[in-house]
Amino acid sequence: MAARKTTKPSKAAASEPVKCGPCNGTGEVARAVRVGRKQRVVGQQSGICLACFGSGEATDTDA
């Protein structure tokens, strides 16, 4: 029986920054724009993500 080759996880993959959840790493989130008395939705506007402050990388929420 041949010996099994095992591979160790690469260190480069572990050091990659984790994407932010709400913005999926883009740094921007979309909000619905409502107008009129009935407050109907007419479009969307984008703004920076407040979870990562526009960087796109997840931050520690424990601090």
PDB file of N, CA and C in Angstrom:
ATOM      1  N   MET A   1       0.831  -1.173   0.000  1.00  0.00           N
ATOM      2  CA  MET A   1       0.000   0.000   0.000  1.00  0.00           C
ATOM      3  C   MET A   1       0.885   1.250   0.000  1.00  0.00           C
ATOM      4  N   ALA A   2       0.549   2.209  -0.832  1.00  0.00           N
ATOM      5  CA  ALA A   2       1.352   3.426  -0.962  1.00  0.00           C
ATOM      6  C   ALA A   2       1.076   4.373   0.192  1.00  0.00           C
ATOM      7  N   ALA A   3       2.075   5.159   0.535  1.00  0.00           N
ATOM      8  CA  ALA A   3       1.926   6.134   1.612  1.00  0.00           C
ATOM      9  C   ALA A   3       1.024   7.277   1.151  1.00  0.00           C
ATOM     10  N   ARG A   4       0.210   7.761   2.052  1.00  0.00           N
ATOM     11  CA  ARG A   4      -0.689   8.871   1.726  1.00  0.00           C
ATOM     12  C   ARG A   4       0.052  10.194   1.801  1.00  0.00           C
ATOM     13  N   LYS A   5      -0.233  11.047   0.861  1.00  0.00           N
ATOM     14  CA  LYS A   5       0.340  12.381   0.879  1.00  0.00           C
ATOM     15  C   LYS A   5      -0.673  13.324   1.517  1.00  0.00           C
ATOM     16  N   THR A   6      -0.234  14.049   2.493  1.00  0.00           N
ATOM     17  CA  THR A   6      -1.110  15.018   3.139  1.00  0.00           C
ATOM     18  C   THR A   6      -0.638  16.414   2.781  1.00  0.00           C
ATOM     19  N   THR A   7      -1.574  17.309   2.630  1.00  0.00           N
ATOM     20  CA  THR A   7      -1.231  18.690   2.326  1.00  0.00           C
ATOM     21  C   THR A   7      -1.614  19.560   3.499  1.00  0.00           C
ATOM     22  N   LYS A   8      -0.762  20.473   3.828  1.00  0.00           N
ATOM     23  CA  LYS A   8      -1.037  21.415   4.902  1.00  0.00           C
ATOM     24  C   LYS A   8      -1.724  22.644   4.293  1.00  0.00           C
ATOM     25  N   PRO A   9      -2.620  23.276   5.020  1.00  0.00           N
ATOM     26  CA  PRO A   9      -3.248  24.484   4.484  1.00  0.00           C
ATOM     27  C   PRO A   9      -2.203  25.577   4.297  1.00  0.00           C
ATOM     28  N   SER A  10      -2.300  26.284   3.205  1.00  0.00           N
ATOM     29  CA  SER A  10      -1.314  27.322   2.924  1.00  0.00           C
ATOM     30  C   SER A  10      -1.514  28.514   3.846  1.00  0.00           C
ATOM     31  N   LYS A  11      -0.418  29.141   4.198  1.00  0.00           N
ATOM     32  CA  LYS A  11      -0.486  30.300   5.084  1.00  0.00           C
ATOM     33  C   LYS A  11      -1.033  31.521   4.354  1.00  0.00           C
ATOM     34  N   ALA A  12      -0.888  31.565   3.036  1.00  0.00           N
ATOM     35  CA  ALA A  12      -1.377  32.704   2.266  1.00  0.00           C
ATOM     36  C   ALA A  12      -2.905  32.778   2.309  1.00  0.00           C
ATOM     37  N   ALA A  13      -3.568  31.632   2.284  1.00  0.00           N
ATOM     38  CA  ALA A  13      -5.029  31.623   2.314  1.00  0.00           C
ATOM     39  C   ALA A  13      -5.545  32.068   3.676  1.00  0.00           C
ATOM     40  N   ALA A  14      -4.819  31.759   4.736  1.00  0.00           N
ATOM     41  CA  ALA A  14      -5.255  32.121   6.077  1.00  0.00           C
ATOM     42  C   ALA A  14      -5.065  33.616   6.344  1.00  0.00           C
ATOM     43  N   SER A  15      -4.139  34.263   5.662  1.00  0.00           N
ATOM     44  CA  SER A  15      -3.865  35.661   5.938  1.00  0.00           C
ATOM     45  C   SER A  15      -4.729  36.622   5.112  1.00  0.00           C
ATOM     46  N   GLU A  16      -5.559  36.106   4.214  1.00  0.00           N
ATOM     47  CA  GLU A  16      -6.427  36.980   3.430  1.00  0.00           C
ATOM     48  C   GLU A  16      -7.461  37.633   4.335  1.00  0.00           C
ATOM     49  N   PRO A  17      -7.773  38.909   4.099  1.00  0.00           N
ATOM     50  CA  PRO A  17      -8.783  39.570   4.918  1.00  0.00           C
ATOM     51  C   PRO A  17     -10.173  38.978   4.658  1.00  0.00           C
ATOM     52  N   VAL A  18     -10.966  38.929   5.689  1.00  0.00           N
ATOM     53  CA  VAL A  18     -12.318  38.398   5.587  1.00  0.00           C
ATOM     54  C   VAL A  18     -13.244  39.499   5.098  1.00  0.00           C
ATOM     55  N   LYS A  19     -14.122  39.154   4.154  1.00  0.00           N
ATOM     56  CA  LYS A  19     -15.052  40.148   3.608  1.00  0.00           C
ATOM     57  C   LYS A  19     -16.093  40.539   4.650  1.00  0.00           C
ATOM     58  N   CYS A  20     -16.517  41.770   4.570  1.00  0.00           N
ATOM     59  CA  CYS A  20     -17.561  42.287   5.449  1.00  0.00           C
ATOM     60  C   CYS A  20     -18.897  41.670   5.037  1.00  0.00           C
ATOM     61  N   GLY A  21     -19.724  41.306   5.993  1.00  0.00           N
ATOM     62  CA  GLY A  21     -20.994  40.657   5.708  1.00  0.00           C
ATOM     63  C   GLY A  21     -22.043  41.545   5.050  1.00  0.00           C
ATOM     64  N   PRO A  22     -22.354  42.714   5.606  1.00  0.00           N
ATOM     65  CA  PRO A  22     -23.420  43.542   5.028  1.00  0.00           C
ATOM     66  C   PRO A  22     -23.147  44.039   3.616  1.00  0.00           C
ATOM     67  N   CYS A  23     -21.879  44.324   3.286  1.00  0.00           N
ATOM     68  CA  CYS A  23     -21.582  44.888   1.961  1.00  0.00           C
ATOM     69  C   CYS A  23     -20.892  43.892   1.035  1.00  0.00           C
ATOM     70  N   ASN A  24     -20.620  42.685   1.491  1.00  0.00           N
ATOM     71  CA  ASN A  24     -19.938  41.640   0.711  1.00  0.00           C
ATOM     72  C   ASN A  24     -18.583  42.095   0.192  1.00  0.00           C
ATOM     73  N   GLY A  25     -17.905  42.943   0.941  1.00  0.00           N
ATOM     74  CA  GLY A  25     -16.559  43.366   0.585  1.00  0.00           C
ATOM     75  C   GLY A  25     -16.469  44.540  -0.359  1.00  0.00           C
ATOM     76  N   THR A  26     -17.598  45.139  -0.749  1.00  0.00           N
ATOM     77  CA  THR A  26     -17.550  46.267  -1.675  1.00  0.00           C
ATOM     78  C   THR A  26     -17.338  47.598  -0.966  1.00  0.00           C
ATOM     79  N   GLY A  27     -17.754  47.696   0.281  1.00  0.00           N
ATOM     80  CA  GLY A  27     -17.631  48.952   1.016  1.00  0.00           C
ATOM     81  C   GLY A  27     -18.836  49.855   0.868  1.00  0.00           C
ATOM     82  N   GLU A  28     -19.800  49.473   0.031  1.00  0.00           N
ATOM     83  CA  GLU A  28     -21.003  50.278  -0.175  1.00  0.00           C
ATOM     84  C   GLU A  28     -22.253  49.433   0.041  1.00  0.00           C
ATOM     85  N   VAL A  29     -23.276  50.052   0.576  1.00  0.00           N
ATOM     86  CA  VAL A  29     -24.575  49.397   0.739  1.00  0.00           C
ATOM     87  C   VAL A  29     -25.636  50.254   0.071  1.00  0.00           C
ATOM     88  N   ALA A  30     -26.701  49.630  -0.410  1.00  0.00           N
ATOM     89  CA  ALA A  30     -27.779  50.343  -1.086  1.00  0.00           C
ATOM     90  C   ALA A  30     -28.964  50.510  -0.137  1.00  0.00           C
ATOM     91  N   ARG A  31     -29.588  51.674  -0.181  1.00  0.00           N
ATOM     92  CA  ARG A  31     -30.785  51.964   0.604  1.00  0.00           C
ATOM     93  C   ARG A  31     -31.898  52.382  -0.338  1.00  0.00           C
ATOM     94  N   ALA A  32     -33.106  51.988  -0.028  1.00  0.00           N
ATOM     95  CA  ALA A  32     -34.259  52.351  -0.855  1.00  0.00           C
ATOM     96  C   ALA A  32     -34.603  53.822  -0.646  1.00  0.00           C
ATOM     97  N   VAL A  33     -34.962  54.514  -1.735  1.00  0.00           N
ATOM     98  CA  VAL A  33     -35.385  55.910  -1.681  1.00  0.00           C
ATOM     99  C   VAL A  33     -36.900  55.933  -1.793  1.00  0.00           C
ATOM    100  N   ARG A  34     -37.565  56.539  -0.814  1.00  0.00           N
ATOM    101  CA  ARG A  34     -39.025  56.593  -0.775  1.00  0.00           C
ATOM    102  C   ARG A  34     -39.477  58.040  -0.960  1.00  0.00           C
ATOM    103  N   VAL A  35     -40.526  58.229  -1.762  1.00  0.00           N
ATOM    104  CA  VAL A  35     -41.051  59.576  -2.000  1.00  0.00           C
ATOM    105  C   VAL A  35     -42.572  59.544  -1.964  1.00  0.00           C
ATOM    106  N   GLY A  36     -43.139  60.707  -1.762  1.00  0.00           N
ATOM    107  CA  GLY A  36     -44.593  60.846  -1.826  1.00  0.00           C
ATOM    108  C   GLY A  36     -45.290  60.571  -0.511  1.00  0.00           C
ATOM    109  N   ARG A  37     -46.599  60.846  -0.520  1.00  0.00           N
ATOM    110  CA  ARG A  37     -47.398  60.661   0.683  1.00  0.00           C
ATOM    111  C   ARG A  37     -47.529  59.193   1.061  1.00  0.00           C
ATOM    112  N   LYS A  38     -47.582  58.320   0.053  1.00  0.00           N
ATOM    113  CA  LYS A  38     -47.708  56.880   0.303  1.00  0.00           C
ATOM    114  C   LYS A  38     -46.358  56.201   0.505  1.00  0.00           C
ATOM    115  N   GLN A  39     -45.276  56.981   0.406  1.00  0.00           N
ATOM    116  CA  GLN A  39     -43.915  56.491   0.603  1.00  0.00           C
ATOM    117  C   GLN A  39     -43.590  55.296  -0.302  1.00  0.00           C
ATOM    118  N   ARG A  40     -43.801  55.482  -1.596  1.00  0.00           N
ATOM    119  CA  ARG A  40     -43.481  54.418  -2.545  1.00  0.00           C
ATOM    120  C   ARG A  40     -41.987  54.453  -2.865  1.00  0.00           C
ATOM    121  N   VAL A  41     -41.432  53.290  -3.183  1.00  0.00           N
ATOM    122  CA  VAL A  41     -40.012  53.161  -3.492  1.00  0.00           C
ATOM    123  C   VAL A  41     -39.791  53.534  -4.955  1.00  0.00           C
ATOM    124  N   VAL A  42     -38.875  54.475  -5.207  1.00  0.00           N
ATOM    125  CA  VAL A  42     -38.597  54.908  -6.574  1.00  0.00           C
ATOM    126  C   VAL A  42     -37.192  54.539  -7.043  1.00  0.00           C
ATOM    127  N   GLY A  43     -36.323  54.141  -6.149  1.00  0.00           N
ATOM    128  CA  GLY A  43     -34.961  53.794  -6.554  1.00  0.00           C
ATOM    129  C   GLY A  43     -34.100  53.478  -5.359  1.00  0.00           C
ATOM    130  N   GLN A  44     -32.799  53.473  -5.587  1.00  0.00           N
ATOM    131  CA  GLN A  44     -31.850  53.201  -4.517  1.00  0.00           C
ATOM    132  C   GLN A  44     -30.704  54.194  -4.578  1.00  0.00           C
ATOM    133  N   GLN A  45     -30.131  54.483  -3.426  1.00  0.00           N
ATOM    134  CA  GLN A  45     -28.917  55.274  -3.376  1.00  0.00           C
ATOM    135  C   GLN A  45     -27.887  54.487  -2.589  1.00  0.00           C
ATOM    136  N   SER A  46     -26.629  54.694  -2.893  1.00  0.00           N
ATOM    137  CA  SER A  46     -25.583  53.938  -2.215  1.00  0.00           C
ATOM    138  C   SER A  46     -24.856  54.831  -1.231  1.00  0.00           C
ATOM    139  N   GLY A  47     -24.341  54.199  -0.190  1.00  0.00           N
ATOM    140  CA  GLY A  47     -23.566  54.895   0.825  1.00  0.00           C
ATOM    141  C   GLY A  47     -22.524  53.957   1.384  1.00  0.00           C
ATOM    142  N   ILE A  48     -21.631  54.474   2.222  1.00  0.00           N
ATOM    143  CA  ILE A  48     -20.589  53.611   2.766  1.00  0.00           C
ATOM    144  C   ILE A  48     -21.185  52.670   3.807  1.00  0.00           C
ATOM    145  N   CYS A  49     -20.574  51.522   3.921  1.00  0.00           N
ATOM    146  CA  CYS A  49     -21.007  50.521   4.893  1.00  0.00           C
ATOM    147  C   CYS A  49     -20.547  50.956   6.278  1.00  0.00           C
ATOM    148  N   LEU A  50     -21.460  51.007   7.232  1.00  0.00           N
ATOM    149  CA  LEU A  50     -21.099  51.431   8.575  1.00  0.00           C
ATOM    150  C   LEU A  50     -20.478  50.309   9.398  1.00  0.00           C
ATOM    151  N   ALA A  51     -20.575  49.075   8.926  1.00  0.00           N
ATOM    152  CA  ALA A  51     -19.957  47.963   9.650  1.00  0.00           C
ATOM    153  C   ALA A  51     -18.448  47.940   9.443  1.00  0.00           C
ATOM    154  N   CYS A  52     -17.987  48.305   8.231  1.00  0.00           N
ATOM    155  CA  CYS A  52     -16.546  48.275   7.941  1.00  0.00           C
ATOM    156  C   CYS A  52     -16.016  49.657   7.591  1.00  0.00           C
ATOM    157  N   PHE A  53     -16.858  50.675   7.606  1.00  0.00           N
ATOM    158  CA  PHE A  53     -16.507  52.057   7.273  1.00  0.00           C
ATOM    159  C   PHE A  53     -15.904  52.178   5.886  1.00  0.00           C
ATOM    160  N   GLY A  54     -16.432  51.394   4.931  1.00  0.00           N
ATOM    161  CA  GLY A  54     -16.035  51.515   3.543  1.00  0.00           C
ATOM    162  C   GLY A  54     -14.793  50.751   3.140  1.00  0.00           C
ATOM    163  N   SER A  55     -14.159  50.033   4.063  1.00  0.00           N
ATOM    164  CA  SER A  55     -12.932  49.316   3.707  1.00  0.00           C
ATOM    165  C   SER A  55     -13.235  47.979   3.036  1.00  0.00           C
ATOM    166  N   GLY A  56     -14.368  47.364   3.344  1.00  0.00           N
ATOM    167  CA  GLY A  56     -14.721  46.075   2.767  1.00  0.00           C
ATOM    168  C   GLY A  56     -14.204  44.883   3.539  1.00  0.00           C
ATOM    169  N   GLU A  57     -13.415  45.129   4.584  1.00  0.00           N
ATOM    170  CA  GLU A  57     -12.865  44.063   5.407  1.00  0.00           C
ATOM    171  C   GLU A  57     -13.642  43.970   6.712  1.00  0.00           C
ATOM    172  N   ALA A  58     -13.882  42.752   7.159  1.00  0.00           N
ATOM    173  CA  ALA A  58     -14.614  42.539   8.399  1.00  0.00           C
ATOM    174  C   ALA A  58     -13.765  43.010   9.576  1.00  0.00           C
ATOM    175  N   THR A  59     -14.416  43.605  10.558  1.00  0.00           N
ATOM    176  CA  THR A  59     -13.728  44.057  11.760  1.00  0.00           C
ATOM    177  C   THR A  59     -14.159  43.207  12.931  1.00  0.00           C
ATOM    178  N   ASP A  60     -13.383  43.244  13.989  1.00  0.00           N
ATOM    179  CA  ASP A  60     -13.736  42.508  15.204  1.00  0.00           C
ATOM    180  C   ASP A  60     -14.853  43.253  15.914  1.00  0.00           C
ATOM    181  N   THR A  61     -15.929  42.558  16.217  1.00  0.00           N
ATOM    182  CA  THR A  61     -17.050  43.182  16.915  1.00  0.00           C
ATOM    183  C   THR A  61     -16.982  42.931  18.410  1.00  0.00           C
ATOM    184  N   ASP A  62     -15.939  42.220  18.879  1.00  0.00           N
ATOM    185  CA  ASP A  62     -15.802  41.922  20.301  1.00  0.00           C
ATOM    186  C   ASP A  62     -15.295  43.107  21.098  1.00  0.00           C
ATOM    187  N   ALA A  63     -14.605  44.025  20.458  1.00  0.00           N
ATOM    188  CA  ALA A  63     -13.967  45.130  21.183  1.00  0.00           C
ATOM    189  C   ALA A  63     -14.942  46.181  21.622  1.00  0.00           C
TER     190      ALA A  63
END
